[in-house]
Each structure stands twice: as structure tokens, then as C-alpha cells.
Amino acid sequence: MIVVVVTFPISSELDAAVLKEKFLETAPLYRDAKGLIRKNYIADMEKHHSGGVYCFDTMENAKNWFDDERIEWISNRYSKPNIQFFDSPVMVDNVAGEIIS
């Protein structure tokens, strides 16, 4: 599994309710993302940072999702993102009661 952490600065003028609406507006876009297992939207309103944590099935699918067009879209919607890719060799799923490797 691949975990991608995306963070970017957000305007100090943006409040939590408006940010949540922006997230809800874009959430359906991720339903058909090839190889995407889960996406969590994240926000730190005090530090004016936001982003997402994505779990993909393969590095290829993760990198294909974050192509130049996607990075430009994020930059235009919020600001230039910092994108980090990680291998995740073990996952603890407490909902399913499983340890997956």
C-alpha cells in the first residue's frame, strides 16, 4: 500500500465551515480514482494548513493521480501543495480487526 500526504497553506480568511464545504464539494471526484482505497481530508485551522492523506494500492496509481494537471488544480484551488509518497508495509485496521501486510 502507498500513503500520500498532501499539505498546503490555506488563507487565514477561510473558516472551518467553508473549508468543510469545499471538501464536500470535491469528495465525489475521488470515488472513481484508480487504485484509491481511502482519502482523509485534513486541516489545521490554527496554523492555516490543510490537505489530504490518501491510501493507494500501488505507487503507479498514486503517481498517476498526482500528475501535473492535478497539482495545478490543487494550486489554483488552494495553493502549491507539498506531496510526499510513502510505502506502507503494514496497516492496522481496527474497524475490520485486522493487521494487513
C-alpha atoms as a PDB file:
ATOM      1  CA  MET A   1       0.000   0.000   0.000  1.00  0.00           C
ATOM      2  CA  ILE A   2       1.096   3.561  -0.691  1.00  0.00           C
ATOM      3  CA  VAL A   3       0.275   6.526   1.553  1.00  0.00           C
ATOM      4  CA  VAL A   4       0.412  10.005   0.064  1.00  0.00           C
ATOM      5  CA  VAL A   5       0.418  13.033   2.359  1.00  0.00           C
ATOM      6  CA  VAL A   6      -0.529  16.294   0.682  1.00  0.00           C
ATOM      7  CA  THR A   7      -0.362  19.599   2.576  1.00  0.00           C
ATOM      8  CA  PHE A   8      -0.719  23.201   1.534  1.00  0.00           C
ATOM      9  CA  PRO A   9      -1.199  26.610   3.151  1.00  0.00           C
ATOM     10  CA  ILE A  10      -4.737  27.967   3.240  1.00  0.00           C
ATOM     11  CA  SER A  11      -5.947  31.518   3.648  1.00  0.00           C
ATOM     12  CA  SER A  12      -6.356  32.765   7.201  1.00  0.00           C
ATOM     13  CA  GLU A  13      -9.678  34.178   5.949  1.00  0.00           C
ATOM     14  CA  LEU A  14     -11.029  30.658   5.374  1.00  0.00           C
ATOM     15  CA  ASP A  15     -13.072  29.315   8.292  1.00  0.00           C
ATOM     16  CA  ALA A  16     -13.641  25.653   9.152  1.00  0.00           C
ATOM     17  CA  ALA A  17     -17.239  25.570   7.881  1.00  0.00           C
ATOM     18  CA  VAL A  18     -16.300  26.965   4.459  1.00  0.00           C
ATOM     19  CA  LEU A  19     -13.318  24.617   4.209  1.00  0.00           C
ATOM     20  CA  LYS A  20     -15.549  21.634   5.011  1.00  0.00           C
ATOM     21  CA  GLU A  21     -17.956  22.720   2.255  1.00  0.00           C
ATOM     22  CA  LYS A  22     -15.042  22.902  -0.187  1.00  0.00           C
ATOM     23  CA  PHE A  23     -14.046  19.372   0.856  1.00  0.00           C
ATOM     24  CA  LEU A  24     -17.595  18.062   0.434  1.00  0.00           C
ATOM     25  CA  GLU A  25     -17.768  19.698  -2.985  1.00  0.00           C
ATOM     26  CA  THR A  26     -14.706  17.800  -4.210  1.00  0.00           C
ATOM     27  CA  ALA A  27     -15.230  14.491  -2.369  1.00  0.00           C
ATOM     28  CA  PRO A  28     -17.177  12.853  -5.236  1.00  0.00           C
ATOM     29  CA  LEU A  29     -14.161  13.348  -7.540  1.00  0.00           C
ATOM     30  CA  TYR A  30     -12.278  10.702  -5.582  1.00  0.00           C
ATOM     31  CA  ARG A  31     -14.895   7.948  -5.832  1.00  0.00           C
ATOM     32  CA  ASP A  32     -13.521   6.824  -9.207  1.00  0.00           C
ATOM     33  CA  ALA A  33      -9.813   7.479  -8.640  1.00  0.00           C
ATOM     34  CA  LYS A  34      -7.979   4.409  -9.918  1.00  0.00           C
ATOM     35  CA  GLY A  35      -6.438   2.470  -7.035  1.00  0.00           C
ATOM     36  CA  LEU A  36      -7.561   4.882  -4.317  1.00  0.00           C
ATOM     37  CA  ILE A  37      -8.534   2.964  -1.182  1.00  0.00           C
ATOM     38  CA  ARG A  38      -9.257   5.891   1.121  1.00  0.00           C
ATOM     39  CA  LYS A  39      -8.823   9.633   1.373  1.00  0.00           C
ATOM     40  CA  ASN A  40      -8.936  11.645   4.578  1.00  0.00           C
ATOM     41  CA  TYR A  41      -9.182  15.415   4.327  1.00  0.00           C
ATOM     42  CA  ILE A  42      -7.071  17.169   6.969  1.00  0.00           C
ATOM     43  CA  ALA A  43      -6.971  20.700   8.353  1.00  0.00           C
ATOM     44  CA  ASP A  44      -5.105  22.697  10.975  1.00  0.00           C
ATOM     45  CA  MET A  45      -7.069  25.927  11.143  1.00  0.00           C
ATOM     46  CA  GLU A  46      -4.738  27.498  13.726  1.00  0.00           C
ATOM     47  CA  LYS A  47      -1.685  27.042  11.501  1.00  0.00           C
ATOM     48  CA  HIS A  48      -3.634  27.685   8.269  1.00  0.00           C
ATOM     49  CA  HIS A  49      -2.687  24.370   6.676  1.00  0.00           C
ATOM     50  CA  SER A  50      -4.838  21.762   5.035  1.00  0.00           C
ATOM     51  CA  GLY A  51      -4.594  18.801   2.694  1.00  0.00           C
ATOM     52  CA  GLY A  52      -5.297  15.122   2.458  1.00  0.00           C
ATOM     53  CA  VAL A  53      -3.974  11.694   3.333  1.00  0.00           C
ATOM     54  CA  TYR A  54      -4.503   9.152   0.571  1.00  0.00           C
ATOM     55  CA  CYS A  55      -4.085   5.381   0.546  1.00  0.00           C
ATOM     56  CA  PHE A  56      -3.456   3.870  -2.888  1.00  0.00           C
ATOM     57  CA  ASP A  57      -2.963   0.267  -3.926  1.00  0.00           C
ATOM     58  CA  THR A  58       0.210   0.945  -5.958  1.00  0.00           C
ATOM     59  CA  MET A  59       2.819   3.639  -6.409  1.00  0.00           C
ATOM     60  CA  GLU A  60       1.950   3.765 -10.108  1.00  0.00           C
ATOM     61  CA  ASN A  61      -1.677   4.662  -9.371  1.00  0.00           C
ATOM     62  CA  ALA A  62      -0.640   7.213  -6.746  1.00  0.00           C
ATOM     63  CA  LYS A  63       1.823   8.957  -9.051  1.00  0.00           C
ATOM     64  CA  ASN A  64      -0.627   8.859 -11.962  1.00  0.00           C
ATOM     65  CA  TRP A  65      -3.267  10.562  -9.805  1.00  0.00           C
ATOM     66  CA  PHE A  66      -0.878  13.358  -8.794  1.00  0.00           C
ATOM     67  CA  ASP A  67       0.081  14.356 -12.319  1.00  0.00           C
ATOM     68  CA  ASP A  68       0.943  17.920 -13.384  1.00  0.00           C
ATOM     69  CA  GLU A  69      -2.706  18.707 -14.107  1.00  0.00           C
ATOM     70  CA  ARG A  70      -3.821  17.631 -10.605  1.00  0.00           C
ATOM     71  CA  ILE A  71      -1.026  19.621  -8.944  1.00  0.00           C
ATOM     72  CA  GLU A  72      -2.029  22.698 -10.951  1.00  0.00           C
ATOM     73  CA  TRP A  73      -5.688  22.184  -9.935  1.00  0.00           C
ATOM     74  CA  ILE A  74      -4.758  21.993  -6.233  1.00  0.00           C
ATOM     75  CA  SER A  75      -2.514  25.044  -6.594  1.00  0.00           C
ATOM     76  CA  ASN A  76      -5.293  27.070  -8.219  1.00  0.00           C
ATOM     77  CA  ARG A  77      -7.941  25.969  -5.709  1.00  0.00           C
ATOM     78  CA  TYR A  78      -5.841  26.397  -2.544  1.00  0.00           C
ATOM     79  CA  SER A  79      -2.085  26.899  -3.001  1.00  0.00           C
ATOM     80  CA  LYS A  80       1.003  24.979  -4.152  1.00  0.00           C
ATOM     81  CA  PRO A  81       0.970  21.575  -2.442  1.00  0.00           C
ATOM     82  CA  ASN A  82       3.733  19.626  -0.769  1.00  0.00           C
ATOM     83  CA  ILE A  83       3.287  15.974  -1.815  1.00  0.00           C
ATOM     84  CA  GLN A  84       5.062  13.077  -0.106  1.00  0.00           C
ATOM     85  CA  PHE A  85       4.819   9.412  -1.106  1.00  0.00           C
ATOM     86  CA  PHE A  86       5.388   6.615   1.420  1.00  0.00           C
ATOM     87  CA  ASP A  87       5.393   2.826   1.288  1.00  0.00           C
ATOM     88  CA  SER A  88       3.126   1.406   3.990  1.00  0.00           C
ATOM     89  CA  PRO A  89       4.203  -2.207   4.530  1.00  0.00           C
ATOM     90  CA  VAL A  90       1.856  -2.818   7.497  1.00  0.00           C
ATOM     91  CA  MET A  91      -1.574  -1.406   8.286  1.00  0.00           C
ATOM     92  CA  VAL A  92      -3.635  -1.855  11.450  1.00  0.00           C
ATOM     93  CA  ASP A  93      -7.364  -1.789  10.665  1.00  0.00           C
ATOM     94  CA  ASN A  94      -9.266  -1.672  13.954  1.00  0.00           C
ATOM     95  CA  VAL A  95     -12.647  -1.479  12.198  1.00  0.00           C
ATOM     96  CA  ALA A  96     -12.050  -4.773  10.391  1.00  0.00           C
ATOM     97  CA  GLY A  97      -9.995  -6.158  13.293  1.00  0.00           C
ATOM     98  CA  GLU A  98      -7.072  -6.933  11.002  1.00  0.00           C
ATOM     99  CA  ILE A  99      -3.377  -6.327  10.612  1.00  0.00           C
ATOM    100  CA  ILE A 100      -2.639  -6.184   6.898  1.00  0.00           C
ATOM    101  CA  SER A 101       0.803  -6.597   5.349  1.00  0.00           C
END
